[in-house]
Amino acid sequence: MTTKNEVLQRISFGKRIAEEEIDDLATYFVETNQWRQIFSGEKDVVFGDKGGGKSAIYSLLVGRADALFDREIIIVAGEKPRGAPAFQDLLVDPPASQQEFVGLWKLYFLCLIANGLRELGAAGEEVDRLTQPLEAAKLIESGPSSLQALIRGALDYVRALLKWESLQAGVQIDPATGMPTGLGGKITFREPSANDRAEGLLSMDTLLKYANLAAEEAGLTVWLVLDRLDVAFAESEEIEGNALRALFMVYSDFREYERLERSKSSCALTSGDG
């Protein structure tokens, strides 16, 4: 006969954190009202203390990509569910300002959207308008890239771009492109002048419009999901503050686009720890 103590000793309440039990999470996750609001598209930001279920929601969203695709929604993950966070390297060499973070978020999200559409085989004029400038700037490649590589490339581009736009001494301009030597692409922070547009320069915000049109052309809505930002920037409150303030500025910019509806292409799930 089994005793109560023996039964209690056999009981498992799962792992300490959701990241360690992704494969089994769906079998016992209780679908709360918060989860239903996220999955239905009513809500797009989750904030709460560590252990509050944010990573569980993130993992389940990624795990239910097929069900969402049936609703013509694609999930693009902006963070790894396990291992070192994709943004962890920024603690060693962080963006120097909130403006750098804004540029980093925008370019990173644009790269993720472009790669996500291409992985599905999406093609057409609008998809090309999005992907070709990113390829020319060497921000995305023809093959798959790691999240860390996308982040590093975006940050390097933003730094070179800010140096050029501030017209600091010593900036060498490529006469063929009108951009700093070594920058390669023609993506700018500010809206270019008519003459610059004629030379092929375009702003990050224009690329956001192209991303929206590319998703529309593919008949899809893009949800880009983020998690573990509290882990990535845990060692520096200043960096975390700059990163999150910039993230919500970009979140606001994404809200005007129908196919990037409710900024799910920029901030479908953001985690915090307090």
Protein backbone atom coordinates (compact mmCIF):
# COMPACT_ATOMS: atom_id res chain seq x y z
CA MET A 1 0.00 0.00 0.00
CA THR A 2 1.36 3.41 -1.00
CA THR A 3 1.60 5.93 1.82
CA LYS A 4 0.92 9.64 1.60
CA ASN A 5 4.61 10.38 2.10
CA GLU A 6 5.53 8.16 -0.84
CA VAL A 7 2.97 9.90 -3.06
CA LEU A 8 4.31 13.32 -2.07
CA GLN A 9 7.88 12.26 -2.78
CA ARG A 10 6.93 11.25 -6.33
CA ILE A 11 5.17 14.52 -7.15
CA SER A 12 7.00 16.87 -9.53
CA PHE A 13 6.08 20.51 -9.82
CA GLY A 14 8.28 21.07 -12.86
CA LYS A 15 11.46 23.06 -13.27
CA ARG A 16 12.29 26.24 -11.43
CA ILE A 17 11.95 28.42 -14.55
CA ALA A 18 9.93 28.02 -17.75
CA GLU A 19 13.01 28.09 -20.02
CA GLU A 20 14.07 24.71 -18.57
CA GLU A 21 10.83 22.90 -19.38
CA ILE A 22 9.80 24.22 -22.79
CA ASP A 23 9.18 20.74 -24.21
CA ASP A 24 6.69 19.77 -21.47
CA LEU A 25 5.13 23.14 -20.71
CA ALA A 26 2.16 22.80 -23.06
CA THR A 27 0.99 19.61 -21.33
CA TYR A 28 0.11 21.33 -18.07
CA PHE A 29 -0.04 25.05 -18.78
CA VAL A 30 -3.26 26.62 -17.51
CA GLU A 31 -4.66 29.00 -20.10
CA THR A 32 -5.25 32.16 -18.14
CA ASN A 33 -7.20 35.19 -19.29
CA GLN A 34 -3.87 36.94 -19.89
CA TRP A 35 -2.76 34.14 -22.21
CA ARG A 36 -6.06 34.22 -24.10
CA GLN A 37 -5.74 37.98 -24.62
CA ILE A 38 -2.21 37.57 -25.98
CA PHE A 39 -3.08 34.62 -28.23
CA SER A 40 -6.17 36.35 -29.61
CA GLY A 41 -4.23 39.53 -30.34
CA GLU A 42 -6.03 41.74 -27.82
CA LYS A 43 -2.85 42.42 -25.82
CA ASP A 44 0.77 42.60 -26.87
CA VAL A 45 2.87 43.47 -23.82
CA VAL A 46 3.35 41.36 -20.69
CA PHE A 47 5.07 42.84 -17.67
CA GLY A 48 5.57 41.16 -14.33
CA ASP A 49 7.90 39.87 -11.66
CA LYS A 50 10.32 37.04 -12.34
CA GLY A 51 8.40 33.76 -12.15
CA GLY A 52 5.14 35.42 -13.15
CA GLY A 53 4.67 33.33 -16.31
CA LYS A 54 6.06 35.65 -19.01
CA SER A 55 8.48 33.09 -20.44
CA ALA A 56 5.76 30.44 -20.38
CA ILE A 57 3.57 32.65 -22.58
CA TYR A 58 6.52 33.35 -24.87
CA SER A 59 7.36 29.65 -25.25
CA LEU A 60 3.75 28.70 -25.93
CA LEU A 61 3.38 31.42 -28.58
CA VAL A 62 6.44 30.11 -30.40
CA GLY A 63 5.22 26.53 -29.93
CA ARG A 64 1.85 27.31 -31.48
CA ALA A 65 3.26 28.83 -34.64
CA ASP A 66 1.26 26.40 -36.81
CA ALA A 67 -2.05 27.36 -35.20
CA LEU A 68 -1.23 31.03 -35.67
CA PHE A 69 -0.21 30.45 -39.28
CA ASP A 70 -3.70 29.05 -39.87
CA ARG A 71 -4.85 32.56 -38.92
CA GLU A 72 -2.34 34.04 -41.42
CA ILE A 73 -0.02 35.14 -38.61
CA ILE A 74 3.68 34.31 -38.54
CA ILE A 75 5.68 34.22 -35.33
CA VAL A 76 9.24 35.52 -35.51
CA ALA A 77 11.29 35.01 -32.35
CA GLY A 78 13.67 37.83 -31.44
CA GLU A 79 15.29 35.97 -28.56
CA LYS A 80 16.48 32.45 -27.82
CA PRO A 81 14.40 30.55 -25.26
CA ARG A 82 17.49 28.83 -23.85
CA GLY A 83 21.15 29.56 -23.29
CA ALA A 84 22.83 32.95 -23.30
CA PRO A 85 20.45 35.78 -24.29
CA ALA A 86 21.02 37.15 -27.79
CA PHE A 87 21.50 40.65 -26.35
CA GLN A 88 23.99 39.64 -23.69
CA ASP A 89 27.01 40.86 -25.70
CA LEU A 90 25.66 44.40 -25.46
CA LEU A 91 26.69 44.47 -21.81
CA VAL A 92 30.32 44.38 -22.95
CA ASP A 93 29.92 46.95 -25.73
CA PRO A 94 26.55 48.68 -25.20
CA PRO A 95 24.96 51.41 -27.33
CA ALA A 96 26.24 54.75 -26.08
CA SER A 97 22.85 56.49 -26.14
CA GLN A 98 19.13 55.96 -26.31
CA GLN A 99 19.25 57.05 -29.96
CA GLU A 100 21.66 54.22 -30.74
CA PHE A 101 19.25 51.81 -29.08
CA VAL A 102 16.34 53.14 -31.16
CA GLY A 103 18.30 52.55 -34.35
CA LEU A 104 19.42 49.13 -33.14
CA TRP A 105 15.85 48.00 -32.35
CA LYS A 106 14.48 49.24 -35.69
CA LEU A 107 17.18 47.64 -37.82
CA TYR A 108 17.11 44.41 -35.81
CA PHE A 109 13.34 44.10 -36.18
CA LEU A 110 13.48 44.91 -39.89
CA CYS A 111 16.08 42.17 -40.36
CA LEU A 112 13.97 39.68 -38.41
CA ILE A 113 10.86 40.50 -40.44
CA ALA A 114 12.74 40.23 -43.73
CA ASN A 115 14.29 36.89 -42.76
CA GLY A 116 10.97 35.60 -41.46
CA LEU A 117 9.19 36.37 -44.72
CA ARG A 118 11.99 34.88 -46.81
CA GLU A 119 12.06 31.68 -44.77
CA LEU A 120 8.40 31.20 -45.67
CA GLY A 121 9.23 31.64 -49.34
CA ALA A 122 7.48 35.01 -49.63
CA ALA A 123 8.46 36.80 -52.84
CA GLY A 124 7.37 39.80 -54.82
CA GLU A 125 8.05 43.46 -55.47
CA GLU A 126 7.33 44.63 -51.93
CA VAL A 127 9.40 41.87 -50.36
CA ASP A 128 12.31 42.90 -52.60
CA ARG A 129 11.89 46.56 -51.59
CA LEU A 130 12.37 45.48 -48.00
CA THR A 131 15.14 42.91 -48.38
CA GLN A 132 17.37 44.50 -51.02
CA PRO A 133 18.40 47.59 -48.98
CA LEU A 134 19.10 45.36 -45.97
CA GLU A 135 21.23 43.06 -48.10
CA ALA A 136 23.10 46.00 -49.65
CA ALA A 137 23.90 47.24 -46.14
CA LYS A 138 25.10 43.72 -45.26
CA LEU A 139 22.56 43.59 -42.44
CA ILE A 140 21.08 40.31 -43.72
CA GLU A 141 22.55 37.55 -45.83
CA SER A 142 21.13 35.08 -48.33
CA GLY A 143 21.45 32.28 -45.77
CA PRO A 144 20.46 32.04 -42.10
CA SER A 145 22.19 34.24 -39.52
CA SER A 146 22.33 33.96 -35.75
CA LEU A 147 20.43 36.50 -33.67
CA GLN A 148 23.72 37.70 -32.19
CA ALA A 149 25.09 38.34 -35.69
CA LEU A 150 22.00 40.37 -36.65
CA ILE A 151 22.30 42.46 -33.48
CA ARG A 152 26.02 43.06 -33.97
CA GLY A 153 25.56 44.06 -37.60
CA ALA A 154 22.70 46.42 -36.76
CA LEU A 155 24.65 48.12 -33.96
CA ASP A 156 27.78 48.58 -36.09
CA TYR A 157 25.67 50.11 -38.86
CA VAL A 158 23.87 52.47 -36.46
CA ARG A 159 27.14 53.69 -34.98
CA ALA A 160 28.66 54.43 -38.38
CA LEU A 161 25.43 56.12 -39.47
CA LEU A 162 25.27 58.38 -36.42
CA LYS A 163 28.88 59.37 -36.96
CA TRP A 164 28.09 60.35 -40.53
CA GLU A 165 24.86 62.22 -39.71
CA SER A 166 26.55 64.25 -36.99
CA LEU A 167 29.25 65.25 -39.54
CA GLN A 168 32.10 64.61 -37.13
CA ALA A 169 35.58 65.33 -38.41
CA GLY A 170 37.38 62.50 -40.08
CA VAL A 171 34.38 60.82 -41.69
CA GLN A 172 35.33 59.60 -45.15
CA ILE A 173 32.48 59.71 -47.70
CA ASP A 174 32.29 57.23 -50.55
CA PRO A 175 31.61 59.36 -53.67
CA ALA A 176 29.78 56.45 -55.34
CA THR A 177 27.20 56.03 -52.56
CA GLY A 178 27.26 59.32 -50.66
CA MET A 179 27.55 57.32 -47.44
CA PRO A 180 30.48 56.80 -45.04
CA THR A 181 33.27 54.64 -46.39
CA GLY A 182 32.73 51.06 -45.27
CA LEU A 183 29.04 51.54 -44.43
CA GLY A 184 27.87 50.03 -47.69
CA GLY A 185 24.12 50.61 -47.46
CA LYS A 186 21.91 53.63 -47.97
CA ILE A 187 19.63 53.40 -44.92
CA THR A 188 19.41 56.58 -42.83
CA PHE A 189 17.86 57.69 -39.53
CA ARG A 190 16.31 60.87 -40.86
CA GLU A 191 14.09 61.20 -43.91
CA PRO A 192 16.51 62.03 -46.76
CA SER A 193 16.17 65.09 -48.95
CA ALA A 194 14.77 64.85 -52.47
CA ASN A 195 18.28 64.80 -53.89
CA ASP A 196 19.36 62.06 -51.49
CA ARG A 197 16.26 60.03 -52.31
CA ALA A 198 17.18 60.31 -55.97
CA GLU A 199 20.54 58.78 -55.02
CA GLY A 200 18.76 55.84 -53.42
CA LEU A 201 18.89 56.82 -49.75
CA LEU A 202 15.89 55.85 -47.63
CA SER A 203 15.03 56.13 -43.97
CA MET A 204 14.40 53.38 -41.44
CA ASP A 205 10.79 54.55 -41.19
CA THR A 206 10.40 54.12 -44.95
CA LEU A 207 11.68 50.57 -44.54
CA LEU A 208 9.01 50.02 -41.88
CA LYS A 209 6.41 50.97 -44.49
CA TYR A 210 8.00 48.54 -46.93
CA ALA A 211 7.88 45.82 -44.27
CA ASN A 212 4.17 46.43 -43.81
CA LEU A 213 3.58 46.29 -47.57
CA ALA A 214 5.70 43.13 -47.87
CA ALA A 215 3.61 41.40 -45.19
CA GLU A 216 0.43 42.55 -46.96
CA GLU A 217 1.75 41.23 -50.26
CA ALA A 218 2.36 37.85 -48.61
CA GLY A 219 -1.11 37.92 -47.04
CA LEU A 220 0.36 37.70 -43.54
CA THR A 221 0.54 39.56 -40.25
CA VAL A 222 3.88 39.41 -38.46
CA TRP A 223 4.16 38.90 -34.71
CA LEU A 224 7.68 39.38 -33.45
CA VAL A 225 8.06 38.13 -29.89
CA LEU A 226 10.68 39.11 -27.33
CA ASP A 227 11.49 37.70 -23.92
CA ARG A 228 14.30 37.57 -21.34
CA LEU A 229 15.21 41.24 -21.55
CA ASP A 230 15.46 41.29 -17.76
CA VAL A 231 18.11 38.55 -18.03
CA ALA A 232 19.99 40.16 -20.92
CA PHE A 233 20.46 43.51 -19.18
CA ALA A 234 20.39 42.38 -15.55
CA GLU A 235 23.92 43.56 -14.82
CA SER A 236 23.30 47.22 -15.68
CA GLU A 237 20.22 49.23 -14.74
CA GLU A 238 21.38 52.11 -16.97
CA ILE A 239 21.65 49.92 -20.06
CA GLU A 240 18.35 48.23 -19.25
CA GLY A 241 16.65 51.61 -18.86
CA ASN A 242 17.99 52.91 -22.18
CA ALA A 243 17.09 49.66 -23.93
CA LEU A 244 13.51 49.55 -22.67
CA ARG A 245 12.78 53.25 -23.21
CA ALA A 246 14.04 52.96 -26.77
CA LEU A 247 12.07 49.75 -27.29
CA PHE A 248 8.79 51.41 -26.39
CA MET A 249 9.58 54.37 -28.63
CA VAL A 250 9.97 51.91 -31.50
CA TYR A 251 6.86 50.07 -30.30
CA SER A 252 4.93 53.30 -30.79
CA ASP A 253 6.27 53.71 -34.33
CA PHE A 254 5.13 50.21 -35.29
CA ARG A 255 1.57 50.75 -34.12
CA GLU A 256 0.50 52.68 -37.22
CA TYR A 257 1.02 49.74 -39.57
CA GLU A 258 -1.84 47.35 -40.27
CA ARG A 259 0.24 44.26 -41.05
CA LEU A 260 2.58 45.03 -38.18
CA GLU A 261 -0.61 45.56 -36.18
CA ARG A 262 -0.41 46.51 -32.50
CA SER A 263 3.36 46.55 -32.89
CA LYS A 264 3.52 42.78 -32.74
CA SER A 265 6.40 43.09 -35.14
CA SER A 266 8.32 45.01 -32.55
CA CYS A 267 7.19 44.18 -29.08
CA ALA A 268 4.74 41.34 -28.84
CA LEU A 269 6.16 40.24 -25.51
CA THR A 270 8.50 42.16 -23.30
CA SER A 271 9.61 40.83 -19.95
CA GLY A 272 10.74 42.68 -16.86
CA ASP A 273 11.61 41.81 -13.31
CA GLY A 274 9.91 44.35 -11.16
